[in-house]
Protein backbone atom coordinates (compact mmCIF):
# COMPACT_ATOMS: atom_id res chain seq x y z
CA MET A 1 -8.79 4.20 193.15
CA ALA A 2 -11.29 5.95 190.88
CA SER A 3 -12.17 9.38 190.41
CA ILE A 4 -15.11 11.20 189.22
CA ILE A 5 -14.42 14.79 188.07
CA CYS A 6 -17.21 17.23 187.78
CA PHE A 7 -16.94 20.15 185.49
CA GLY A 8 -19.56 22.86 185.32
CA ASP A 9 -20.96 26.03 186.07
CA SER A 10 -22.84 27.30 189.28
CA ILE A 11 -25.31 24.44 189.22
CA THR A 12 -22.43 22.10 189.49
CA ARG A 13 -20.82 24.09 192.13
CA GLY A 14 -24.16 23.90 194.08
CA GLU A 15 -25.21 27.44 194.23
CA SER A 16 -28.42 27.87 196.22
CA ASP A 17 -28.23 24.59 197.87
CA ALA A 18 -27.78 25.75 201.72
CA VAL A 19 -28.12 21.90 202.69
CA TYR A 20 -25.54 19.98 201.06
CA GLY A 21 -23.75 22.19 198.55
CA GLY A 22 -25.28 20.73 195.55
CA TRP A 23 -25.41 17.26 193.67
CA ALA A 24 -21.66 16.76 193.04
CA ASP A 25 -20.96 17.30 196.91
CA ARG A 26 -23.79 15.08 197.50
CA ILE A 27 -22.21 12.34 195.59
CA LYS A 28 -19.00 12.96 197.33
CA THR A 29 -20.45 12.64 200.75
CA ARG A 30 -22.26 9.44 199.70
CA LEU A 31 -18.94 7.59 198.44
CA ILE A 32 -16.91 8.86 201.60
CA LYS A 33 -19.48 7.34 203.67
CA GLN A 34 -19.68 4.14 201.77
CA PHE A 35 -16.06 3.81 201.94
CA MET A 36 -15.84 4.43 205.80
CA GLU A 37 -18.48 1.98 206.43
CA THR A 38 -17.83 -0.89 203.93
CA GLY A 39 -14.08 -0.45 202.84
CA LYS A 40 -14.99 -0.67 199.36
CA ASP A 41 -12.56 0.86 196.72
CA LYS A 42 -12.09 4.58 197.38
CA VAL A 43 -13.49 6.83 194.91
CA SER A 44 -12.38 10.56 194.84
CA VAL A 45 -14.94 12.95 193.66
CA PHE A 46 -13.68 16.64 192.41
CA ASN A 47 -16.48 19.43 192.25
CA MET A 48 -14.63 21.56 189.61
CA GLY A 49 -17.89 23.86 189.12
CA ILE A 50 -17.37 27.44 188.69
CA SER A 51 -20.07 30.15 188.77
CA GLY A 52 -20.81 31.97 185.66
CA GLU A 53 -18.26 29.78 183.58
CA THR A 54 -19.17 28.83 179.88
CA THR A 55 -17.43 26.41 177.91
CA ASN A 56 -14.98 28.83 176.68
CA GLY A 57 -13.72 29.01 180.08
CA LEU A 58 -13.82 25.45 180.26
CA ILE A 59 -11.69 24.92 177.27
CA GLN A 60 -8.95 26.91 178.84
CA ARG A 61 -8.52 24.87 181.95
CA PHE A 62 -9.74 21.34 181.12
CA GLN A 63 -6.80 19.59 180.15
CA HIS A 64 -4.73 20.86 183.12
CA GLU A 65 -7.16 20.19 185.79
CA PHE A 66 -7.99 16.79 184.43
CA LEU A 67 -4.58 15.43 184.30
CA THR A 68 -3.92 16.87 187.71
CA ARG A 69 -6.76 15.00 189.07
CA GLN A 70 -6.46 11.80 187.06
CA ALA A 71 -6.57 8.51 189.00
CA VAL A 72 -3.08 6.65 189.33
CA ASP A 73 -4.99 3.67 187.64
CA LYS A 74 -6.59 5.94 185.16
CA GLN A 75 -10.16 4.81 186.24
CA ASP A 76 -11.66 8.12 185.56
CA THR A 77 -15.01 9.60 184.91
CA VAL A 78 -15.21 13.18 183.77
CA LEU A 79 -18.65 14.78 183.79
CA PHE A 80 -19.61 18.06 181.75
CA GLY A 81 -22.58 20.13 182.95
CA TYR A 82 -22.50 23.23 180.71
CA GLY A 83 -24.99 25.36 178.72
CA ALA A 84 -27.00 27.59 181.08
CA ASN A 85 -24.55 30.21 180.63
CA ASP A 86 -23.38 29.57 177.15
CA LEU A 87 -27.07 29.93 175.83
CA ALA A 88 -27.73 33.32 177.37
CA LYS A 89 -27.95 36.17 175.41
CA GLN A 90 -26.43 39.63 176.36
CA ASP A 91 -26.67 42.72 174.21
CA GLY A 92 -28.16 40.74 171.47
CA ASN A 93 -25.43 38.08 171.26
CA TYR A 94 -25.00 34.44 172.84
CA LEU A 95 -22.28 34.31 175.44
CA VAL A 96 -21.16 31.21 173.52
CA ASP A 97 -22.90 30.45 170.25
CA ILE A 98 -24.15 26.94 169.50
CA GLU A 99 -21.43 25.98 167.15
CA THR A 100 -18.48 27.13 169.38
CA TYR A 101 -20.50 25.38 172.18
CA ILE A 102 -20.28 22.23 170.38
CA ASP A 103 -16.66 22.53 169.29
CA ASN A 104 -15.57 23.29 172.92
CA LEU A 105 -17.03 20.35 174.27
CA ARG A 106 -16.07 18.19 171.48
CA CYS A 107 -12.27 18.88 172.13
CA CYS A 108 -12.74 18.06 175.96
CA ILE A 109 -14.60 14.85 175.06
CA GLU A 110 -12.02 13.68 172.61
CA PHE A 111 -9.13 14.54 175.17
CA SER A 112 -10.98 12.68 177.73
CA ILE A 113 -11.27 9.58 175.63
CA GLU A 114 -7.82 9.86 174.36
CA LYS A 115 -6.79 9.49 178.18
CA GLY A 116 -9.00 6.48 178.81
CA ALA A 117 -11.58 8.29 180.75
CA ASN A 118 -15.32 7.47 180.68
CA VAL A 119 -17.29 10.58 179.69
CA VAL A 120 -20.61 11.87 180.86
CA LEU A 121 -22.76 14.73 179.57
CA ILE A 122 -25.40 16.38 181.60
CA ASN A 123 -28.04 18.44 179.78
CA VAL A 124 -29.31 22.06 180.80
CA THR A 125 -31.99 22.38 183.47
CA PRO A 126 -35.22 24.45 182.59
CA ILE A 127 -35.78 27.99 183.85
CA SER A 128 -38.90 29.48 185.29
CA ALA A 129 -41.75 30.50 183.01
CA LEU A 130 -41.55 33.95 184.72
CA LEU A 131 -37.74 34.33 183.44
CA ASP A 132 -38.32 32.97 179.78
CA GLY A 133 -37.22 35.91 177.55
CA ILE A 134 -37.05 38.09 180.34
CA PRO A 135 -33.46 39.73 181.23
CA ASN A 136 -32.44 38.92 184.69
CA ILE A 137 -30.29 40.87 187.13
CA ASN A 138 -27.23 40.59 184.82
CA ASN A 139 -29.21 41.72 181.80
CA ARG A 140 -28.73 38.09 180.49
CA ILE A 141 -31.93 36.76 178.56
CA ARG A 142 -32.52 32.81 178.39
CA HIS A 143 -35.34 31.28 176.54
CA ASP A 144 -36.66 27.65 177.06
CA GLU A 145 -36.58 26.96 173.18
CA THR A 146 -32.97 27.80 173.15
CA ILE A 147 -32.23 25.54 176.25
CA CYS A 148 -33.94 22.65 174.22
CA ARG A 149 -31.69 23.60 171.20
CA TYR A 150 -28.53 23.24 173.03
CA ASN A 151 -29.76 20.04 174.72
CA GLN A 152 -30.34 18.60 171.20
CA ALA A 153 -26.62 19.52 170.29
CA LEU A 154 -25.68 17.67 173.58
CA LEU A 155 -27.75 14.45 172.53
CA VAL A 156 -26.03 14.51 169.00
CA LEU A 157 -22.65 14.88 170.91
CA SER A 158 -23.39 11.78 172.95
CA VAL A 159 -24.34 9.71 170.02
CA LYS A 160 -21.31 10.74 168.00
CA TYR A 161 -18.86 9.91 170.64
CA SER A 162 -20.77 7.07 172.28
CA VAL A 163 -20.80 8.57 175.81
CA ASP A 164 -23.49 8.70 178.11
CA LEU A 165 -25.93 11.69 178.39
CA ILE A 166 -27.89 12.16 181.61
CA ASP A 167 -31.34 13.87 181.15
CA VAL A 168 -32.05 16.08 184.00
CA TYR A 169 -34.20 18.42 181.99
CA THR A 170 -37.20 16.14 181.60
CA PRO A 171 -37.69 15.21 185.06
CA PHE A 172 -36.99 18.79 186.49
CA ASN A 173 -39.47 20.28 184.03
CA ASP A 174 -42.20 18.11 185.37
CA ARG A 175 -42.54 20.34 188.45
CA LYS A 176 -39.71 23.09 187.64
CA GLU A 177 -41.32 25.95 189.70
CA THR A 178 -41.09 23.62 192.75
CA TYR A 179 -37.45 22.96 192.02
CA LEU A 180 -35.98 26.40 191.46
CA ALA A 181 -34.58 29.17 193.72
CA ALA A 182 -36.20 32.55 193.76
CA ASP A 183 -33.95 33.69 190.69
CA GLY A 184 -35.85 31.44 188.53
CA LEU A 185 -32.49 29.96 187.25
CA HIS A 186 -30.46 27.78 189.91
CA PRO A 187 -32.20 24.76 191.55
CA ASN A 188 -32.92 25.10 195.29
CA ASN A 189 -32.39 22.52 198.09
CA ALA A 190 -35.21 20.23 196.41
CA GLY A 191 -33.92 20.85 192.87
CA HIS A 192 -30.40 19.95 193.72
CA GLU A 193 -31.64 16.65 195.55
CA LEU A 194 -33.51 15.79 192.40
CA LEU A 195 -30.40 16.18 190.24
CA TYR A 196 -28.39 14.22 192.92
CA GLN A 197 -30.95 11.41 192.56
CA VAL A 198 -30.93 11.39 188.83
CA ILE A 199 -27.40 11.92 188.26
CA SER A 200 -26.27 9.38 190.84
CA SER A 201 -28.92 6.72 189.97
CA SER A 202 -27.38 6.72 186.29
CA LEU A 203 -23.58 7.42 187.31
CA LEU A 204 -23.03 5.10 189.86
CA SER A 205 -25.21 2.22 188.47
CA ASN A 206 -22.97 2.24 185.24
CA LEU A 207 -19.92 2.42 187.29
CA ASN A 208 -20.93 -0.53 189.72
CA ILE A 209 -20.33 1.52 192.66
C-alpha cells in the first residue's frame, strides 16, 4: 500500500472549495473510487494542509507527521505546497524570508529522501491583480513579483535534489481572475478543479496510478 502525504497551507487544505474540499481531497476521492471499482492496490491520501501555515510551522511538525503516516512498504510520496503565506509581508517584514523558506524546505526534502520517499514540490498560485501590493483583511501584503521569486527558488530546489516540481502558477495565471475566490488569494471551485487536474495529471502518471 502506498501513501501520498500532502503538506501545505489553506490552498492544500481546500479552503473556498465548497464542492469537493480542494485538490488533495479530490485526488483522495478518485483513488478510493478506483480501489473500490477495480481492486487496484490501495493508495492512502493524507491531506495535511493547515490554513495560515508557513514553512516555519511545517518544520516543527513534519518529521513526526510524516513518519506516522509512512506506508508499511515505504512507498511514499510527499507533496509540499508552501509559499503563499511565507512570502506575505506584514509590518514591513516577510512572514518567512526567502533564505529561511529555502532552508526549511531543504530540511524536509532531505529527510524525505533519506526515508526513501518521492518528493514533489508545488509552486505558488498567483493572486488577483486587485490584491497585488494591497493589504488584505489581515494587513498582509503580497506581490506577484515576490511570488515569482519564491517560485524560482522552488525550481532551483527541485533541480538541486532531482525532485519533481509541478507548475500550477502558469496555467492558473492564464485566467486567474476566473479561478480566484472573492478574497483574491484562494482558488474558488473552478480554481481547485484546475489545481486537481494539473497536479493529478503529473502526480498519478509518474506513480503509474
